[in-house]
Amino acid sequence: MARPGQLLGGAAAAALIASAAGAAQAQDSPDTVAAVPPKGKTCLFNDSHFHLTNYIQEGPPARDVLKIMDGRVCRSALFGIPLQQQWSYRVTAGRAPKYYMDTDAHLYYYSFTDADIAVRYLALSPEERARFDPMITGFNPTDMYAADQIRRVLKTYPGVFTGIGEFSIHKEFVSSKVAGDVASLLDPALDRLLDFAGEVGLLTIMHNDIIMPYSKAEYSPIYFQQLTDALRKHPKTTIIWAHMGLGRVVQPPAEFRAFIESILNDPGMSHVYFDISWDEVAKYVIKDEETVKVAAEVINAHPDRFLFGTDVVAPRDAEHYFAVYQMYQPLWAALTPEAREKVLKANYVRLFDAARTKVRAWEKANLTTP
């Protein structure tokens, strides 16, 4: 893996893409890869939100992650991070940043992440690949050509990807650091992107803060209002709202339950789901008995609409990987057995399997082999 400041150049990138494309054709046909884990595998959950690589595009081999998961996780989404943290010597001198909060330097969209994920995925056996659902992330959601880029990725790596995301529109600390245009829920580029995802059947995981952080009361709900307007415009696209819109400093607003239930109870947004990934979200849910009670009431009433994900980035070991699942123990205990099974396992299988089937059918109908 390239070190910071020594990312692969154009020739090396082209060679790796060509190699992976050849591997995709040489491997078993995508139709022969099972959509379920091998018999005998037990699991505590399926992971709907997992980053194999970090903000400097480093991470463990996918096979090492499977070893961490064995016996406890059957399947997982598989994506990198679409943003690369710049190492600016003028800002941090010889200290290489590894996270977006380590420096004031820009973040920039890193399109090569999708080729990297595809190569790592294709290096696995068919049985191992069946446990992962790779996602396309390396696109700029402010670019009207983003949908075309996703089409090219699907054409280069047929049979690999299940969806798009996690990608961010409004995200605390991150949005203002991204070089170029600021992403917006009002951008026609986002509409074109979501329309294309719906056409193909790509499952979509989108990050958007539920409210403006640190804003005055009259401005705070603007993101939620814009988000719900955007979601209603794309009823054919299955969208998972990452983290329920919460974050490191974006705490649940006073209207949080009402906001979430307004989506759950709206027939025009039945295509919208919620993931409860990230330790920064778990801290709000398990804060006290009342917060656990409220979360359990909402999920128990709508068990088909929530998924668990770890949001772990480039895990070091099992303790690191399973920490978020362990944090949520009070919530698991408060859910009904039916709701717990759906949130931890069944909803993942239903949504990701449906997306796999739709994307493979679209690829067969629309992509021709050169």
Foldseek 3Di string as FASTA:
>chain_A
DDDAPGDDDPVVLVVLLVVLLVLLVVAPPLVPQDLWADPPFDAQFEAEAAAQAFQQGDFDQLVVVVVLRTNHYTAYEYFHAQKHFHQDCVWVNPDGDGHLVPTLAAIEGDQSRLSVRSSSLSVDHSNSNSRYAYAHERADLLDLCRLVSVVVSCQSNPSHHLAHDPDEQDDPSHQVRHPDDRHDLPHVSNVSNLQSCLQQLHAEEYEAACFDFPDDPVRTRPRLVSVVVSQLVRQSHQYEHEQLRADQRRAQDPCNLVSVVVLVPDPSNPSYAYENEDPSSLCRCVVDPVSLLSVQVVCQVPLLRYAYHHNQHNDPHSCSRCVSVVSCVSNLVSHDPVSSCNRRYVSCSVSSVSSSVSNNVCCVVPHDDD
